[in-house]
C-alpha atoms as a PDB file:
ATOM      1  CA  UNK A   1      -2.155 -24.562   7.667  1.00  0.00           C
ATOM      2  CA  UNK A   2      -5.264 -22.806   6.147  1.00  0.00           C
ATOM      3  CA  UNK A   3      -4.903 -21.068   2.629  1.00  0.00           C
ATOM      4  CA  UNK A   4      -4.416 -17.890   1.784  1.00  0.00           C
ATOM      5  CA  UNK A   5      -7.579 -16.482   0.525  1.00  0.00           C
ATOM      6  CA  UNK A   6      -7.615 -14.287  -2.567  1.00  0.00           C
ATOM      7  CA  UNK A   7     -10.663 -11.771  -3.813  1.00  0.00           C
ATOM      8  CA  UNK A   8     -10.501 -11.003  -7.475  1.00  0.00           C
ATOM      9  CA  UNK A   9     -12.282  -8.039  -8.739  1.00  0.00           C
ATOM     10  CA  UNK A  10     -12.483  -7.757 -12.397  1.00  0.00           C
ATOM     11  CA  UNK A  11     -15.555  -6.953 -15.029  1.00  0.00           C
ATOM     12  CA  UNK A  12     -14.058  -9.200 -17.721  1.00  0.00           C
ATOM     13  CA  UNK A  13     -15.380 -12.973 -17.010  1.00  0.00           C
ATOM     14  CA  UNK A  14     -12.303 -14.615 -18.909  1.00  0.00           C
ATOM     15  CA  UNK A  15      -9.877 -12.632 -16.892  1.00  0.00           C
ATOM     16  CA  UNK A  16     -11.294 -13.761 -13.382  1.00  0.00           C
ATOM     17  CA  UNK A  17     -11.495 -17.173 -14.763  1.00  0.00           C
ATOM     18  CA  UNK A  18      -7.643 -17.671 -15.805  1.00  0.00           C
ATOM     19  CA  UNK A  19      -6.888 -15.718 -12.384  1.00  0.00           C
ATOM     20  CA  UNK A  20      -9.068 -18.231 -10.356  1.00  0.00           C
ATOM     21  CA  UNK A  21      -7.901 -21.093 -11.968  1.00  0.00           C
ATOM     22  CA  UNK A  22      -4.184 -20.487 -11.766  1.00  0.00           C
ATOM     23  CA  UNK A  23      -4.204 -19.267  -8.281  1.00  0.00           C
ATOM     24  CA  UNK A  24      -6.325 -22.397  -7.023  1.00  0.00           C
ATOM     25  CA  UNK A  25      -3.695 -24.569  -8.879  1.00  0.00           C
ATOM     26  CA  UNK A  26      -1.134 -22.731  -6.661  1.00  0.00           C
ATOM     27  CA  UNK A  27      -2.787 -23.516  -3.379  1.00  0.00           C
ATOM     28  CA  UNK A  28      -4.823 -20.392  -2.814  1.00  0.00           C
ATOM     29  CA  UNK A  29      -8.606 -20.105  -2.225  1.00  0.00           C
ATOM     30  CA  UNK A  30     -10.029 -17.699  -4.393  1.00  0.00           C
ATOM     31  CA  UNK A  31     -13.606 -15.874  -4.796  1.00  0.00           C
ATOM     32  CA  UNK A  32     -14.430 -13.348  -7.568  1.00  0.00           C
ATOM     33  CA  UNK A  33     -16.314 -10.513  -7.725  1.00  0.00           C
ATOM     34  CA  UNK A  34     -17.351  -8.768 -11.244  1.00  0.00           C
ATOM     35  CA  UNK A  35     -17.813  -5.313  -9.974  1.00  0.00           C
ATOM     36  CA  UNK A  36     -16.159  -2.936  -6.967  1.00  0.00           C
ATOM     37  CA  UNK A  37     -19.753  -2.657  -5.599  1.00  0.00           C
ATOM     38  CA  UNK A  38     -20.167  -6.594  -5.420  1.00  0.00           C
ATOM     39  CA  UNK A  39     -16.410  -7.071  -3.884  1.00  0.00           C
ATOM     40  CA  UNK A  40     -17.246  -4.439  -0.994  1.00  0.00           C
ATOM     41  CA  UNK A  41     -20.615  -6.494  -0.274  1.00  0.00           C
ATOM     42  CA  UNK A  42     -18.678  -9.860   0.103  1.00  0.00           C
ATOM     43  CA  UNK A  43     -15.189  -8.409   1.542  1.00  0.00           C
ATOM     44  CA  UNK A  44     -14.122  -9.366   4.916  1.00  0.00           C
ATOM     45  CA  UNK A  45     -10.662  -9.244   6.815  1.00  0.00           C
ATOM     46  CA  UNK A  46      -9.950 -12.853   6.355  1.00  0.00           C
ATOM     47  CA  UNK A  47      -8.793 -11.890   2.734  1.00  0.00           C
ATOM     48  CA  UNK A  48      -5.136 -12.152   2.392  1.00  0.00           C
ATOM     49  CA  UNK A  49      -4.818 -10.163  -0.913  1.00  0.00           C
ATOM     50  CA  UNK A  50      -6.980  -8.219  -3.471  1.00  0.00           C
ATOM     51  CA  UNK A  51      -6.208  -8.612  -7.267  1.00  0.00           C
ATOM     52  CA  UNK A  52      -8.491  -5.500  -8.353  1.00  0.00           C
ATOM     53  CA  UNK A  53      -8.861  -4.279 -11.910  1.00  0.00           C
ATOM     54  CA  UNK A  54      -8.741  -0.329 -11.871  1.00  0.00           C
ATOM     55  CA  UNK A  55     -11.137   0.503 -14.926  1.00  0.00           C
ATOM     56  CA  UNK A  56     -14.504  -1.063 -14.299  1.00  0.00           C
ATOM     57  CA  UNK A  57     -18.156  -0.052 -14.872  1.00  0.00           C
ATOM     58  CA  UNK A  58     -19.646   1.622 -11.834  1.00  0.00           C
ATOM     59  CA  UNK A  59     -17.210   2.176  -9.117  1.00  0.00           C
ATOM     60  CA  UNK A  60     -13.364   2.238 -10.151  1.00  0.00           C
ATOM     61  CA  UNK A  61     -10.684   0.015  -8.370  1.00  0.00           C
ATOM     62  CA  UNK A  62      -8.935   3.052  -7.170  1.00  0.00           C
ATOM     63  CA  UNK A  63     -12.283   4.207  -5.396  1.00  0.00           C
ATOM     64  CA  UNK A  64     -12.701   0.749  -3.988  1.00  0.00           C
ATOM     65  CA  UNK A  65      -9.388   0.753  -2.524  1.00  0.00           C
ATOM     66  CA  UNK A  66     -10.070   4.149  -0.897  1.00  0.00           C
ATOM     67  CA  UNK A  67     -13.131   3.036   0.562  1.00  0.00           C
ATOM     68  CA  UNK A  68     -11.394  -0.060   2.090  1.00  0.00           C
ATOM     69  CA  UNK A  69      -8.561   2.219   3.864  1.00  0.00           C
ATOM     70  CA  UNK A  70     -10.261   4.846   4.549  1.00  0.00           C
ATOM     71  CA  UNK A  71     -13.779   4.079   5.651  1.00  0.00           C
ATOM     72  CA  UNK A  72     -13.402   0.137   6.754  1.00  0.00           C
ATOM     73  CA  UNK A  73      -9.613   0.742   7.926  1.00  0.00           C
ATOM     74  CA  UNK A  74      -8.531  -2.232   6.174  1.00  0.00           C
ATOM     75  CA  UNK A  75      -5.077  -2.965   5.841  1.00  0.00           C
ATOM     76  CA  UNK A  76      -5.423  -6.131   2.938  1.00  0.00           C
ATOM     77  CA  UNK A  77      -2.817  -5.681   0.328  1.00  0.00           C
ATOM     78  CA  UNK A  78      -4.043  -4.921  -2.925  1.00  0.00           C
ATOM     79  CA  UNK A  79      -2.522  -5.300  -6.326  1.00  0.00           C
ATOM     80  CA  UNK A  80      -4.235  -3.417  -9.055  1.00  0.00           C
ATOM     81  CA  UNK A  81      -4.414  -4.814 -12.403  1.00  0.00           C
ATOM     82  CA  UNK A  82      -4.973  -2.522 -15.324  1.00  0.00           C
ATOM     83  CA  UNK A  83      -4.002  -1.578 -18.833  1.00  0.00           C
ATOM     84  CA  UNK A  84      -3.085   2.259 -17.769  1.00  0.00           C
ATOM     85  CA  UNK A  85       0.612   2.401 -16.751  1.00  0.00           C
ATOM     86  CA  UNK A  86       1.081   6.030 -16.823  1.00  0.00           C
ATOM     87  CA  UNK A  87       3.134   7.680 -14.073  1.00  0.00           C
ATOM     88  CA  UNK A  88      -0.012   9.719 -12.797  1.00  0.00           C
ATOM     89  CA  UNK A  89      -2.066   6.261 -12.560  1.00  0.00           C
ATOM     90  CA  UNK A  90       0.768   4.711 -10.734  1.00  0.00           C
ATOM     91  CA  UNK A  91       0.859   7.614  -8.221  1.00  0.00           C
ATOM     92  CA  UNK A  92      -2.955   7.341  -7.819  1.00  0.00           C
ATOM     93  CA  UNK A  93      -2.954   3.692  -7.437  1.00  0.00           C
ATOM     94  CA  UNK A  94      -0.334   3.890  -4.497  1.00  0.00           C
ATOM     95  CA  UNK A  95      -2.094   6.841  -2.889  1.00  0.00           C
ATOM     96  CA  UNK A  96      -5.289   5.064  -3.092  1.00  0.00           C
ATOM     97  CA  UNK A  97      -3.736   2.364  -0.832  1.00  0.00           C
ATOM     98  CA  UNK A  98      -2.246  -0.210  -3.417  1.00  0.00           C
ATOM     99  CA  UNK A  99       0.751  -2.600  -2.799  1.00  0.00           C
ATOM    100  CA  UNK A 100       1.764  -3.242  -6.263  1.00  0.00           C
ATOM    101  CA  UNK A 101       0.536  -2.899  -9.927  1.00  0.00           C
ATOM    102  CA  UNK A 102       0.428  -5.449 -12.753  1.00  0.00           C
ATOM    103  CA  UNK A 103      -0.035  -4.112 -16.245  1.00  0.00           C
ATOM    104  CA  UNK A 104      -2.283  -5.599 -18.613  1.00  0.00           C
ATOM    105  CA  UNK A 105      -1.523  -8.285 -20.512  1.00  0.00           C
ATOM    106  CA  UNK A 106       0.103  -9.868 -18.112  1.00  0.00           C
ATOM    107  CA  UNK A 107       1.850 -12.813 -17.469  1.00  0.00           C
ATOM    108  CA  UNK A 108       0.363 -15.451 -15.262  1.00  0.00           C
ATOM    109  CA  UNK A 109       3.823 -16.354 -14.059  1.00  0.00           C
ATOM    110  CA  UNK A 110       4.264 -12.708 -13.129  1.00  0.00           C
ATOM    111  CA  UNK A 111       1.295 -12.657 -11.301  1.00  0.00           C
ATOM    112  CA  UNK A 112       1.953 -15.508  -9.454  1.00  0.00           C
ATOM    113  CA  UNK A 113       5.340 -14.156  -8.140  1.00  0.00           C
ATOM    114  CA  UNK A 114       3.753 -10.781  -7.072  1.00  0.00           C
ATOM    115  CA  UNK A 115       1.082 -12.252  -5.286  1.00  0.00           C
ATOM    116  CA  UNK A 116       3.474 -14.587  -3.201  1.00  0.00           C
ATOM    117  CA  UNK A 117       5.586 -11.671  -2.673  1.00  0.00           C
ATOM    118  CA  UNK A 118       3.135  -9.306  -1.466  1.00  0.00           C
ATOM    119  CA  UNK A 119       1.341 -11.527   0.934  1.00  0.00           C
ATOM    120  CA  UNK A 120       4.667 -12.604   2.046  1.00  0.00           C
ATOM    121  CA  UNK A 121       5.742  -8.933   2.849  1.00  0.00           C
ATOM    122  CA  UNK A 122       2.431  -8.402   4.461  1.00  0.00           C
ATOM    123  CA  UNK A 123       2.517 -11.054   6.739  1.00  0.00           C
ATOM    124  CA  UNK A 124       6.289 -10.164   7.929  1.00  0.00           C
ATOM    125  CA  UNK A 125       4.851  -6.332   8.454  1.00  0.00           C
ATOM    126  CA  UNK A 126       2.321  -7.584  10.570  1.00  0.00           C
ATOM    127  CA  UNK A 127       4.365  -9.722  12.817  1.00  0.00           C
ATOM    128  CA  UNK A 128       7.106  -6.901  13.165  1.00  0.00           C
ATOM    129  CA  UNK A 129       4.247  -4.516  14.066  1.00  0.00           C
ATOM    130  CA  UNK A 130       2.853  -6.972  16.859  1.00  0.00           C
ATOM    131  CA  UNK A 131       6.380  -6.912  18.649  1.00  0.00           C
ATOM    132  CA  UNK A 132       7.163  -3.002  18.755  1.00  0.00           C
ATOM    133  CA  UNK A 133       6.042  -0.390  20.670  1.00  0.00           C
ATOM    134  CA  UNK A 134       4.528   3.062  19.224  1.00  0.00           C
ATOM    135  CA  UNK A 135       7.097   5.131  17.845  1.00  0.00           C
ATOM    136  CA  UNK A 136       6.922   8.518  19.525  1.00  0.00           C
ATOM    137  CA  UNK A 137       8.917  11.309  18.521  1.00  0.00           C
ATOM    138  CA  UNK A 138       7.908  15.155  19.259  1.00  0.00           C
ATOM    139  CA  UNK A 139       4.719  15.521  18.795  1.00  0.00           C
ATOM    140  CA  UNK A 140       4.040  12.405  16.837  1.00  0.00           C
ATOM    141  CA  UNK A 141       2.762   9.123  17.998  1.00  0.00           C
ATOM    142  CA  UNK A 142       2.993   6.279  15.251  1.00  0.00           C
ATOM    143  CA  UNK A 143       0.896   3.197  16.131  1.00  0.00           C
ATOM    144  CA  UNK A 144       2.604   0.379  14.515  1.00  0.00           C
ATOM    145  CA  UNK A 145       0.055  -1.915  15.286  1.00  0.00           C
ATOM    146  CA  UNK A 146      -3.179   0.042  14.339  1.00  0.00           C
ATOM    147  CA  UNK A 147      -1.513   1.582  11.527  1.00  0.00           C
ATOM    148  CA  UNK A 148      -2.581   5.146  13.090  1.00  0.00           C
ATOM    149  CA  UNK A 149      -0.476   8.440  13.421  1.00  0.00           C
ATOM    150  CA  UNK A 150      -1.345  11.065  16.003  1.00  0.00           C
ATOM    151  CA  UNK A 151      -0.178  14.811  16.263  1.00  0.00           C
ATOM    152  CA  UNK A 152      -0.930  15.788  19.929  1.00  0.00           C
ATOM    153  CA  UNK A 153      -3.346  13.136  20.091  1.00  0.00           C
ATOM    154  CA  UNK A 154      -5.458  14.138  17.223  1.00  0.00           C
ATOM    155  CA  UNK A 155      -5.631  11.433  14.524  1.00  0.00           C
ATOM    156  CA  UNK A 156      -3.867  12.182  10.940  1.00  0.00           C
ATOM    157  CA  UNK A 157      -5.588  10.138   8.041  1.00  0.00           C
ATOM    158  CA  UNK A 158      -2.373   8.533   5.733  1.00  0.00           C
ATOM    159  CA  UNK A 159      -2.703   6.497   2.732  1.00  0.00           C
ATOM    160  CA  UNK A 160      -0.932   2.860   3.231  1.00  0.00           C
ATOM    161  CA  UNK A 161       2.451   4.005   1.720  1.00  0.00           C
ATOM    162  CA  UNK A 162       2.258   7.273   3.403  1.00  0.00           C
ATOM    163  CA  UNK A 163       2.212   5.722   6.553  1.00  0.00           C
ATOM    164  CA  UNK A 164       4.551   3.346   5.538  1.00  0.00           C
ATOM    165  CA  UNK A 165       7.070   5.672   4.650  1.00  0.00           C
ATOM    166  CA  UNK A 166       6.869   7.799   7.864  1.00  0.00           C
ATOM    167  CA  UNK A 167       7.060   4.671   9.928  1.00  0.00           C
ATOM    168  CA  UNK A 168      10.156   3.751   7.773  1.00  0.00           C
ATOM    169  CA  UNK A 169      11.824   7.362   8.457  1.00  0.00           C
ATOM    170  CA  UNK A 170      10.654   7.627  11.890  1.00  0.00           C
ATOM    171  CA  UNK A 171      11.776   4.727  13.186  1.00  0.00           C
ATOM    172  CA  UNK A 172      15.075   5.361  11.971  1.00  0.00           C
ATOM    173  CA  UNK A 173      15.315   8.866  13.254  1.00  0.00           C
ATOM    174  CA  UNK A 174      18.187  10.868  12.045  1.00  0.00           C
ATOM    175  CA  UNK A 175      19.036   8.376   9.229  1.00  0.00           C
ATOM    176  CA  UNK A 176      19.116   9.780   5.668  1.00  0.00           C
ATOM    177  CA  UNK A 177      17.370   7.231   3.291  1.00  0.00           C
ATOM    178  CA  UNK A 178      17.806   7.726  -0.233  1.00  0.00           C
ATOM    179  CA  UNK A 179      14.986   7.241  -2.834  1.00  0.00           C
ATOM    180  CA  UNK A 180      16.105   4.286  -3.927  1.00  0.00           C
ATOM    181  CA  UNK A 181      16.535   3.184  -0.336  1.00  0.00           C
ATOM    182  CA  UNK A 182      12.885   3.836   0.354  1.00  0.00           C
ATOM    183  CA  UNK A 183      11.929   2.009  -2.953  1.00  0.00           C
ATOM    184  CA  UNK A 184      13.721  -0.906  -1.795  1.00  0.00           C
ATOM    185  CA  UNK A 185      12.272  -1.248   1.399  1.00  0.00           C
ATOM    186  CA  UNK A 186       8.576  -0.549   0.468  1.00  0.00           C
ATOM    187  CA  UNK A 187       8.555  -1.461  -3.015  1.00  0.00           C
ATOM    188  CA  UNK A 188      10.722  -4.250  -3.546  1.00  0.00           C
ATOM    189  CA  UNK A 189       8.705  -6.280  -6.129  1.00  0.00           C
ATOM    190  CA  UNK A 190       7.132  -3.324  -7.827  1.00  0.00           C
ATOM    191  CA  UNK A 191       9.372  -2.439 -11.204  1.00  0.00           C
ATOM    192  CA  UNK A 192       7.195   0.698 -12.058  1.00  0.00           C
ATOM    193  CA  UNK A 193       7.901   2.737  -9.084  1.00  0.00           C
ATOM    194  CA  UNK A 194       9.972   6.242 -10.113  1.00  0.00           C
ATOM    195  CA  UNK A 195      11.845   8.478  -7.904  1.00  0.00           C
ATOM    196  CA  UNK A 196       9.042  10.953  -8.444  1.00  0.00           C
ATOM    197  CA  UNK A 197       6.633   8.505  -6.448  1.00  0.00           C
ATOM    198  CA  UNK A 198       8.637   8.956  -3.342  1.00  0.00           C
ATOM    199  CA  UNK A 199       8.665  12.482  -3.605  1.00  0.00           C
ATOM    200  CA  UNK A 200       5.274  12.743  -4.156  1.00  0.00           C
ATOM    201  CA  UNK A 201       4.204  10.814  -1.135  1.00  0.00           C
ATOM    202  CA  UNK A 202       6.814  12.908   1.282  1.00  0.00           C
ATOM    203  CA  UNK A 203       5.088  15.872  -0.027  1.00  0.00           C
ATOM    204  CA  UNK A 204       1.810  14.706   0.993  1.00  0.00           C
ATOM    205  CA  UNK A 205       2.860  13.450   4.255  1.00  0.00           C
ATOM    206  CA  UNK A 206       4.392  16.825   4.838  1.00  0.00           C
ATOM    207  CA  UNK A 207       1.219  18.713   3.917  1.00  0.00           C
ATOM    208  CA  UNK A 208      -0.785  16.271   6.451  1.00  0.00           C
ATOM    209  CA  UNK A 209       1.799  16.960   9.460  1.00  0.00           C
ATOM    210  CA  UNK A 210       0.815  20.568   9.386  1.00  0.00           C
ATOM    211  CA  UNK A 211       2.826  22.615  11.721  1.00  0.00           C
ATOM    212  CA  UNK A 212       5.204  19.576  12.109  1.00  0.00           C
ATOM    213  CA  UNK A 213       6.197  19.228   8.513  1.00  0.00           C
ATOM    214  CA  UNK A 214       9.594  20.079   9.217  1.00  0.00           C
ATOM    215  CA  UNK A 215      10.185  16.965  11.160  1.00  0.00           C
ATOM    216  CA  UNK A 216      10.454  15.551   7.802  1.00  0.00           C
ATOM    217  CA  UNK A 217      13.199  17.052   5.567  1.00  0.00           C
ATOM    218  CA  UNK A 218      14.992  16.571   2.203  1.00  0.00           C
ATOM    219  CA  UNK A 219      18.726  16.494   2.380  1.00  0.00           C
ATOM    220  CA  UNK A 220      19.536  17.795  -1.046  1.00  0.00           C
ATOM    221  CA  UNK A 221      21.536  15.158  -3.157  1.00  0.00           C
ATOM    222  CA  UNK A 222      21.158  12.388  -0.637  1.00  0.00           C
ATOM    223  CA  UNK A 223      17.423  11.655   0.179  1.00  0.00           C
ATOM    224  CA  UNK A 224      14.822  12.287   2.890  1.00  0.00           C
ATOM    225  CA  UNK A 225      15.394  12.398   6.829  1.00  0.00           C
ATOM    226  CA  UNK A 226      12.973  12.270   9.828  1.00  0.00           C
ATOM    227  CA  UNK A 227      14.394  14.760  12.718  1.00  0.00           C
ATOM    228  CA  UNK A 228      12.500  16.172  15.356  1.00  0.00           C
ATOM    229  CA  UNK A 229      15.148  18.782  16.162  1.00  0.00           C
ATOM    230  CA  UNK A 230      14.601  20.119  12.878  1.00  0.00           C
ATOM    231  CA  UNK A 231      11.252  21.185  13.721  1.00  0.00           C
ATOM    232  CA  UNK A 232      11.089  25.398  13.685  1.00  0.00           C
END
């Protein structure tokens, strides 16, 4: 069985060395980059996960994530490493396409646990997507395999988490999901996620859906629901 391959991106050499040593001891194959620019030059879809520092000289980790998600259409999981843990920073990280967020200084045991959980969750999602047909609801088509959303055959660009939220709700049309349930489904191992994170993502999805924004509704006191019949 091939080892999972991890790319560490951090401009602090001691952090790269600590992470590489412990991840390799845990059985992973590891590459390191000292900047986002270097990481982008060596990136390939063969990686199972990226550990990405946010604050670096030159291109930030957030910007690198956006390049991977929007320009290169990569779905390789990303865990941000940063000393910044404010709510706005968390929202920015998830909107840029991050899968998890680990604050510095970190426990190496926490890093290993998060890495294992995110890789496992990503693998399960990929396998599920291979075995399902696109979700077609009203004027929307959600291609679970290619991670694309279309409205009247026109592509809509969503971040990774926006896509996951819309897919979850649309795949269970009519069911009301509480914010806690959405967090439990999509951020199981990320302790920093707040209810407002869900609200912000929903607002962004509705904005991008344009005239079909009413497919996503807020049931006051309960949560969010996808329903084509509620489009006006």
